[in-house]
């Protein structure tokens, strides 16, 4: 593997250099902002980027979250069938298999019926 070596321990100098790069990229030659330092640290340490709104929603306790209809207990959504599934949830190939079995049984019954008719005919 090429270029697979890690950067090693992240130093404050590395964060500073990357923050300056980010500031220049964002058109702030005067110097990096606190946001640039935070982004540089996230990039160099591999932390996941978080959205400020996401951070604030994560800090809210689950019990204090949004309740669309106060007092509502909710309900289970109906299972949606795939394109090739029937009402019983069978795939198209399973449906074709079942249809083939049914036709084969029908053919066997017809052949047995014909055989009975021939055996019942009086011999001339």
N, C-alpha and C. Protein backbone atom coordinates (compact mmCIF):
# COMPACT_ATOMS: atom_id res chain seq x y z
N UNK A 1 0.84 -1.18 0.00
CA UNK A 1 0.00 0.00 0.00
C UNK A 1 0.88 1.24 0.00
N UNK A 2 0.54 2.15 -0.84
CA UNK A 2 1.29 3.40 -0.88
C UNK A 2 0.58 4.45 -0.04
N UNK A 3 1.35 5.33 0.54
CA UNK A 3 0.83 6.47 1.32
C UNK A 3 -0.10 6.02 2.44
N UNK A 4 0.15 4.86 3.00
CA UNK A 4 -0.71 4.35 4.06
C UNK A 4 -0.18 4.67 5.44
N UNK A 5 1.02 5.23 5.51
CA UNK A 5 1.61 5.54 6.81
C UNK A 5 0.86 6.70 7.44
N UNK A 6 0.60 6.59 8.73
CA UNK A 6 -0.08 7.66 9.44
C UNK A 6 0.84 8.86 9.65
N UNK A 7 0.30 9.95 10.16
CA UNK A 7 1.11 11.15 10.36
C UNK A 7 1.79 11.14 11.72
N UNK A 8 1.47 10.18 12.53
CA UNK A 8 2.08 10.11 13.86
C UNK A 8 1.31 10.95 14.85
N UNK A 9 1.99 11.39 15.90
CA UNK A 9 1.37 12.21 16.93
C UNK A 9 1.11 13.60 16.38
N UNK A 10 -0.10 14.07 16.58
CA UNK A 10 -0.48 15.40 16.12
C UNK A 10 0.05 16.42 17.12
N UNK A 11 0.84 17.36 16.62
CA UNK A 11 1.43 18.39 17.49
C UNK A 11 0.68 19.70 17.31
N UNK A 12 0.88 20.61 18.25
CA UNK A 12 0.22 21.93 18.16
C UNK A 12 0.73 22.68 16.94
N UNK A 13 2.00 22.44 16.54
CA UNK A 13 2.54 23.10 15.34
C UNK A 13 1.81 22.62 14.09
N UNK A 14 1.48 21.33 14.06
CA UNK A 14 0.75 20.78 12.91
C UNK A 14 -0.65 21.39 12.84
N UNK A 15 -1.31 21.51 13.98
CA UNK A 15 -2.64 22.10 14.03
C UNK A 15 -2.57 23.55 13.59
N UNK A 16 -1.58 24.27 14.08
CA UNK A 16 -1.38 25.70 13.72
C UNK A 16 -1.19 25.84 12.21
N UNK A 17 -0.32 25.00 11.62
CA UNK A 17 -0.05 25.10 10.18
C UNK A 17 -1.32 24.81 9.38
N UNK A 18 -2.07 23.79 9.77
CA UNK A 18 -3.30 23.46 9.03
C UNK A 18 -4.35 24.54 9.22
N UNK A 19 -4.45 25.14 10.41
CA UNK A 19 -5.40 26.23 10.65
C UNK A 19 -5.06 27.42 9.76
N UNK A 20 -3.76 27.72 9.61
CA UNK A 20 -3.35 28.82 8.71
C UNK A 20 -3.73 28.50 7.26
N UNK A 21 -3.55 27.25 6.84
CA UNK A 21 -3.95 26.85 5.49
C UNK A 21 -5.45 27.05 5.29
N UNK A 22 -6.22 26.62 6.28
CA UNK A 22 -7.68 26.76 6.18
C UNK A 22 -8.09 28.23 6.11
N UNK A 23 -7.44 29.07 6.90
CA UNK A 23 -7.75 30.50 6.88
C UNK A 23 -7.45 31.08 5.50
N UNK A 24 -6.31 30.70 4.92
CA UNK A 24 -5.95 31.20 3.59
C UNK A 24 -6.94 30.71 2.54
N UNK A 25 -7.34 29.45 2.64
CA UNK A 25 -8.32 28.89 1.70
C UNK A 25 -9.63 29.64 1.80
N UNK A 26 -10.02 30.02 3.02
CA UNK A 26 -11.29 30.71 3.24
C UNK A 26 -11.17 32.23 3.07
N UNK A 27 -10.02 32.70 2.59
CA UNK A 27 -9.85 34.13 2.28
C UNK A 27 -9.62 35.00 3.50
N UNK A 28 -8.98 34.46 4.54
CA UNK A 28 -8.66 35.24 5.73
C UNK A 28 -7.14 35.26 5.94
N UNK A 29 -6.43 36.09 5.18
CA UNK A 29 -4.96 36.12 5.30
C UNK A 29 -4.49 36.71 6.63
N UNK A 30 -5.39 37.37 7.34
CA UNK A 30 -5.01 37.99 8.62
C UNK A 30 -4.70 36.95 9.68
N UNK A 31 -5.24 35.74 9.54
CA UNK A 31 -4.95 34.69 10.52
C UNK A 31 -6.14 33.77 10.72
N UNK A 32 -5.87 32.62 11.28
CA UNK A 32 -6.94 31.63 11.48
C UNK A 32 -7.88 32.01 12.62
N UNK A 33 -9.13 31.59 12.47
CA UNK A 33 -10.13 31.81 13.52
C UNK A 33 -10.16 30.58 14.42
N UNK A 34 -10.96 30.66 15.48
CA UNK A 34 -11.11 29.52 16.38
C UNK A 34 -11.71 28.33 15.63
N UNK A 35 -12.63 28.61 14.71
CA UNK A 35 -13.24 27.55 13.91
C UNK A 35 -12.19 26.85 13.04
N UNK A 36 -11.23 27.63 12.51
CA UNK A 36 -10.16 27.03 11.72
C UNK A 36 -9.32 26.07 12.57
N UNK A 37 -9.01 26.48 13.79
CA UNK A 37 -8.23 25.62 14.70
C UNK A 37 -9.01 24.33 15.02
N UNK A 38 -10.30 24.48 15.26
CA UNK A 38 -11.11 23.30 15.58
C UNK A 38 -11.18 22.35 14.38
N UNK A 39 -11.38 22.92 13.18
CA UNK A 39 -11.45 22.08 11.99
C UNK A 39 -10.10 21.41 11.73
N UNK A 40 -9.01 22.15 11.89
CA UNK A 40 -7.68 21.58 11.69
C UNK A 40 -7.44 20.42 12.65
N UNK A 41 -7.82 20.59 13.90
CA UNK A 41 -7.64 19.52 14.88
C UNK A 41 -8.48 18.31 14.51
N UNK A 42 -9.74 18.52 14.09
CA UNK A 42 -10.60 17.41 13.68
C UNK A 42 -9.99 16.66 12.51
N UNK A 43 -9.50 17.41 11.51
CA UNK A 43 -8.93 16.78 10.33
C UNK A 43 -7.69 15.96 10.68
N UNK A 44 -6.83 16.50 11.53
CA UNK A 44 -5.58 15.82 11.84
C UNK A 44 -5.75 14.65 12.79
N UNK A 45 -6.75 14.71 13.65
CA UNK A 45 -6.95 13.62 14.61
C UNK A 45 -7.97 12.60 14.11
N UNK A 46 -8.67 12.92 13.02
CA UNK A 46 -9.63 11.98 12.46
C UNK A 46 -10.98 11.99 13.15
N UNK A 47 -11.24 13.02 13.95
CA UNK A 47 -12.55 13.12 14.61
C UNK A 47 -13.62 13.37 13.55
N UNK A 48 -14.81 12.88 13.81
CA UNK A 48 -15.92 13.11 12.90
C UNK A 48 -16.35 14.56 12.97
N UNK A 49 -16.68 15.11 11.79
CA UNK A 49 -17.17 16.49 11.79
C UNK A 49 -18.58 16.49 12.30
N UNK A 50 -18.88 17.43 13.18
CA UNK A 50 -20.24 17.54 13.70
C UNK A 50 -20.83 18.86 13.29
N UNK A 51 -22.09 18.80 13.00
CA UNK A 51 -22.84 19.98 12.64
C UNK A 51 -23.26 20.69 13.93
N UNK A 52 -23.12 22.03 14.03
CA UNK A 52 -23.51 22.72 15.26
C UNK A 52 -24.93 22.42 15.69
N UNK A 53 -25.86 22.30 14.74
CA UNK A 53 -27.24 21.97 15.10
C UNK A 53 -27.32 20.56 15.64
N UNK A 54 -26.52 19.66 15.04
CA UNK A 54 -26.51 18.28 15.50
C UNK A 54 -25.96 18.20 16.92
N UNK A 55 -24.92 19.00 17.20
CA UNK A 55 -24.36 19.02 18.55
C UNK A 55 -25.40 19.46 19.57
N UNK A 56 -26.17 20.50 19.24
CA UNK A 56 -27.15 21.00 20.19
C UNK A 56 -28.28 19.99 20.38
N UNK A 57 -28.65 19.25 19.31
CA UNK A 57 -29.71 18.26 19.46
C UNK A 57 -29.23 17.05 20.24
N UNK A 58 -27.91 16.76 20.16
CA UNK A 58 -27.36 15.65 20.93
C UNK A 58 -27.30 15.97 22.41
N UNK A 59 -27.17 17.24 22.74
CA UNK A 59 -27.05 17.62 24.13
C UNK A 59 -28.40 17.64 24.85
N UNK A 60 -29.50 17.61 24.10
CA UNK A 60 -30.84 17.59 24.68
C UNK A 60 -31.14 16.18 25.14
N UNK A 61 -31.66 16.05 26.34
CA UNK A 61 -32.01 14.74 26.85
C UNK A 61 -33.11 14.13 26.00
N UNK A 62 -33.10 12.79 25.87
CA UNK A 62 -34.11 12.12 25.06
C UNK A 62 -35.52 12.43 25.53
N UNK A 63 -35.70 12.56 26.83
CA UNK A 63 -37.03 12.81 27.35
C UNK A 63 -37.51 14.23 27.03
N UNK A 64 -36.55 15.15 26.72
CA UNK A 64 -36.92 16.52 26.39
C UNK A 64 -37.04 16.73 24.89
N UNK A 65 -36.90 15.68 24.10
CA UNK A 65 -36.94 15.79 22.65
C UNK A 65 -38.31 16.18 22.15
N UNK A 66 -38.39 16.41 20.86
CA UNK A 66 -39.62 16.84 20.22
C UNK A 66 -40.63 15.71 20.21
N UNK A 67 -41.83 15.99 20.63
CA UNK A 67 -42.93 15.02 20.60
C UNK A 67 -43.96 15.57 19.61
N UNK A 68 -44.13 14.95 18.43
CA UNK A 68 -45.01 15.51 17.41
C UNK A 68 -46.45 15.64 17.87
N UNK A 69 -46.94 14.65 18.58
CA UNK A 69 -48.30 14.71 19.10
C UNK A 69 -48.21 14.31 20.57
N UNK A 70 -48.29 15.30 21.48
CA UNK A 70 -48.18 14.95 22.89
C UNK A 70 -49.18 13.86 23.27
N UNK A 71 -48.70 12.85 23.96
CA UNK A 71 -49.56 11.76 24.38
C UNK A 71 -49.68 10.66 23.36
N UNK A 72 -49.14 10.85 22.16
CA UNK A 72 -49.22 9.84 21.11
C UNK A 72 -48.23 8.71 21.41
N UNK A 73 -48.68 7.48 21.24
CA UNK A 73 -47.80 6.34 21.47
C UNK A 73 -47.17 5.85 20.18
N UNK A 74 -47.66 6.31 19.05
CA UNK A 74 -47.13 5.88 17.76
C UNK A 74 -47.73 4.56 17.33
N UNK A 75 -47.30 4.08 16.16
CA UNK A 75 -47.79 2.80 15.65
C UNK A 75 -46.75 2.23 14.71
N UNK A 76 -46.85 0.95 14.50
CA UNK A 76 -45.94 0.26 13.59
C UNK A 76 -46.35 0.55 12.16
N UNK A 77 -45.40 0.97 11.34
CA UNK A 77 -45.69 1.22 9.94
C UNK A 77 -45.89 -0.11 9.23
N UNK A 78 -46.76 -0.11 8.23
CA UNK A 78 -47.02 -1.32 7.46
C UNK A 78 -45.78 -1.67 6.65
N UNK A 79 -45.52 -2.96 6.55
CA UNK A 79 -44.39 -3.41 5.74
C UNK A 79 -44.70 -3.13 4.28
N UNK A 80 -43.75 -2.54 3.59
CA UNK A 80 -43.98 -2.29 2.17
C UNK A 80 -43.43 -3.47 1.38
N UNK A 81 -44.19 -3.87 0.40
CA UNK A 81 -43.79 -5.00 -0.42
C UNK A 81 -42.84 -4.52 -1.50
N UNK A 82 -41.93 -5.39 -1.86
CA UNK A 82 -41.02 -5.07 -2.95
C UNK A 82 -41.77 -5.11 -4.27
N UNK A 83 -41.08 -4.66 -5.32
CA UNK A 83 -41.70 -4.62 -6.64
C UNK A 83 -42.19 -5.98 -7.09
N UNK A 84 -41.40 -7.00 -6.80
CA UNK A 84 -41.73 -8.33 -7.31
C UNK A 84 -42.29 -9.25 -6.23
N UNK A 85 -42.91 -8.70 -5.21
CA UNK A 85 -43.50 -9.51 -4.16
C UNK A 85 -45.02 -9.44 -4.23
N UNK A 86 -45.65 -10.56 -3.89
CA UNK A 86 -47.11 -10.56 -3.86
C UNK A 86 -47.59 -10.20 -2.46
N UNK A 87 -48.89 -10.27 -2.24
CA UNK A 87 -49.48 -9.87 -0.96
C UNK A 87 -48.99 -10.73 0.20
N UNK A 88 -48.53 -11.96 -0.11
CA UNK A 88 -48.04 -12.85 0.93
C UNK A 88 -46.54 -12.72 1.14
N UNK A 89 -45.90 -11.78 0.41
CA UNK A 89 -44.47 -11.54 0.58
C UNK A 89 -43.59 -12.48 -0.21
N UNK A 90 -44.17 -13.24 -1.13
CA UNK A 90 -43.37 -14.16 -1.92
C UNK A 90 -42.73 -13.43 -3.09
N UNK A 91 -41.50 -13.77 -3.39
CA UNK A 91 -40.81 -13.15 -4.52
C UNK A 91 -41.38 -13.67 -5.83
N UNK A 92 -40.99 -13.01 -6.92
CA UNK A 92 -41.49 -13.40 -8.23
C UNK A 92 -41.08 -14.83 -8.56
N UNK A 93 -39.85 -15.22 -8.21
CA UNK A 93 -39.41 -16.58 -8.50
C UNK A 93 -40.18 -17.59 -7.66
N UNK A 94 -40.49 -17.26 -6.41
CA UNK A 94 -41.28 -18.16 -5.57
C UNK A 94 -42.70 -18.30 -6.13
N UNK A 95 -43.24 -17.21 -6.64
CA UNK A 95 -44.57 -17.26 -7.24
C UNK A 95 -44.56 -18.16 -8.48
N UNK A 96 -43.53 -18.02 -9.31
CA UNK A 96 -43.43 -18.83 -10.52
C UNK A 96 -43.25 -20.30 -10.16
N UNK A 97 -42.46 -20.59 -9.13
CA UNK A 97 -42.26 -21.96 -8.68
C UNK A 97 -43.59 -22.57 -8.25
N UNK A 98 -44.33 -21.82 -7.43
CA UNK A 98 -45.62 -22.31 -6.95
C UNK A 98 -46.58 -22.54 -8.11
N UNK A 99 -46.55 -21.62 -9.08
CA UNK A 99 -47.42 -21.77 -10.24
C UNK A 99 -47.05 -23.02 -11.03
N UNK A 100 -45.76 -23.30 -11.16
CA UNK A 100 -45.30 -24.50 -11.87
C UNK A 100 -45.72 -25.77 -11.16
N UNK A 101 -45.62 -25.78 -9.84
CA UNK A 101 -46.03 -26.95 -9.06
C UNK A 101 -47.52 -27.18 -9.24
N UNK A 102 -48.30 -26.11 -9.18
CA UNK A 102 -49.76 -26.22 -9.35
C UNK A 102 -50.11 -26.77 -10.72
N UNK A 103 -49.43 -26.26 -11.77
CA UNK A 103 -49.69 -26.75 -13.12
C UNK A 103 -49.31 -28.22 -13.26
N UNK A 104 -48.18 -28.60 -12.66
CA UNK A 104 -47.75 -30.00 -12.74
C UNK A 104 -48.76 -30.92 -12.05
N UNK A 105 -49.26 -30.51 -10.89
CA UNK A 105 -50.28 -31.31 -10.19
C UNK A 105 -51.53 -31.44 -11.05
N UNK A 106 -51.92 -30.35 -11.69
CA UNK A 106 -53.11 -30.34 -12.55
C UNK A 106 -52.91 -31.30 -13.72
N UNK A 107 -51.72 -31.24 -14.35
CA UNK A 107 -51.44 -32.14 -15.47
C UNK A 107 -51.47 -33.59 -15.03
N UNK A 108 -50.91 -33.90 -13.86
CA UNK A 108 -50.93 -35.27 -13.35
C UNK A 108 -52.36 -35.75 -13.12
N UNK A 109 -53.20 -34.88 -12.58
CA UNK A 109 -54.59 -35.25 -12.34
C UNK A 109 -55.31 -35.51 -13.65
N UNK A 110 -55.05 -34.70 -14.69
CA UNK A 110 -55.69 -34.90 -15.99
C UNK A 110 -55.24 -36.21 -16.61
N UNK A 111 -53.94 -36.50 -16.52
CA UNK A 111 -53.43 -37.75 -17.08
C UNK A 111 -54.02 -38.96 -16.35
N UNK A 112 -54.12 -38.85 -15.02
CA UNK A 112 -54.71 -39.94 -14.25
C UNK A 112 -56.17 -40.12 -14.62
N UNK A 113 -56.86 -39.02 -14.84
CA UNK A 113 -58.27 -39.09 -15.23
C UNK A 113 -58.41 -39.75 -16.58
N UNK A 114 -57.55 -39.42 -17.54
CA UNK A 114 -57.59 -40.04 -18.86
C UNK A 114 -57.29 -41.53 -18.77
N UNK A 115 -56.35 -41.88 -17.92
CA UNK A 115 -55.99 -43.29 -17.77
C UNK A 115 -57.17 -44.07 -17.20
N UNK A 116 -57.90 -43.46 -16.23
CA UNK A 116 -59.08 -44.11 -15.66
C UNK A 116 -60.17 -44.29 -16.72
N UNK A 117 -60.35 -43.26 -17.56
CA UNK A 117 -61.37 -43.33 -18.62
C UNK A 117 -61.05 -44.45 -19.59
N UNK A 118 -59.79 -44.59 -19.94
CA UNK A 118 -59.39 -45.64 -20.90
C UNK A 118 -59.57 -47.02 -20.28
N UNK A 119 -59.30 -47.16 -19.01
CA UNK A 119 -59.44 -48.46 -18.36
C UNK A 119 -60.91 -48.82 -18.14
N UNK A 120 -61.78 -47.83 -18.08
CA UNK A 120 -63.20 -48.06 -17.89
C UNK A 120 -63.90 -48.41 -19.20
N UNK A 121 -63.31 -48.09 -20.34
CA UNK A 121 -63.93 -48.37 -21.64
C UNK A 121 -63.95 -49.87 -21.87
N UNK A 122 -65.09 -50.37 -22.36
CA UNK A 122 -65.16 -51.81 -22.65
C UNK A 122 -64.27 -52.14 -23.85
N UNK A 123 -63.62 -53.27 -23.78
CA UNK A 123 -62.76 -53.67 -24.88
C UNK A 123 -63.63 -54.24 -25.99
N UNK A 124 -63.36 -53.92 -27.20
CA UNK A 124 -64.18 -54.37 -28.31
C UNK A 124 -63.64 -55.60 -28.96
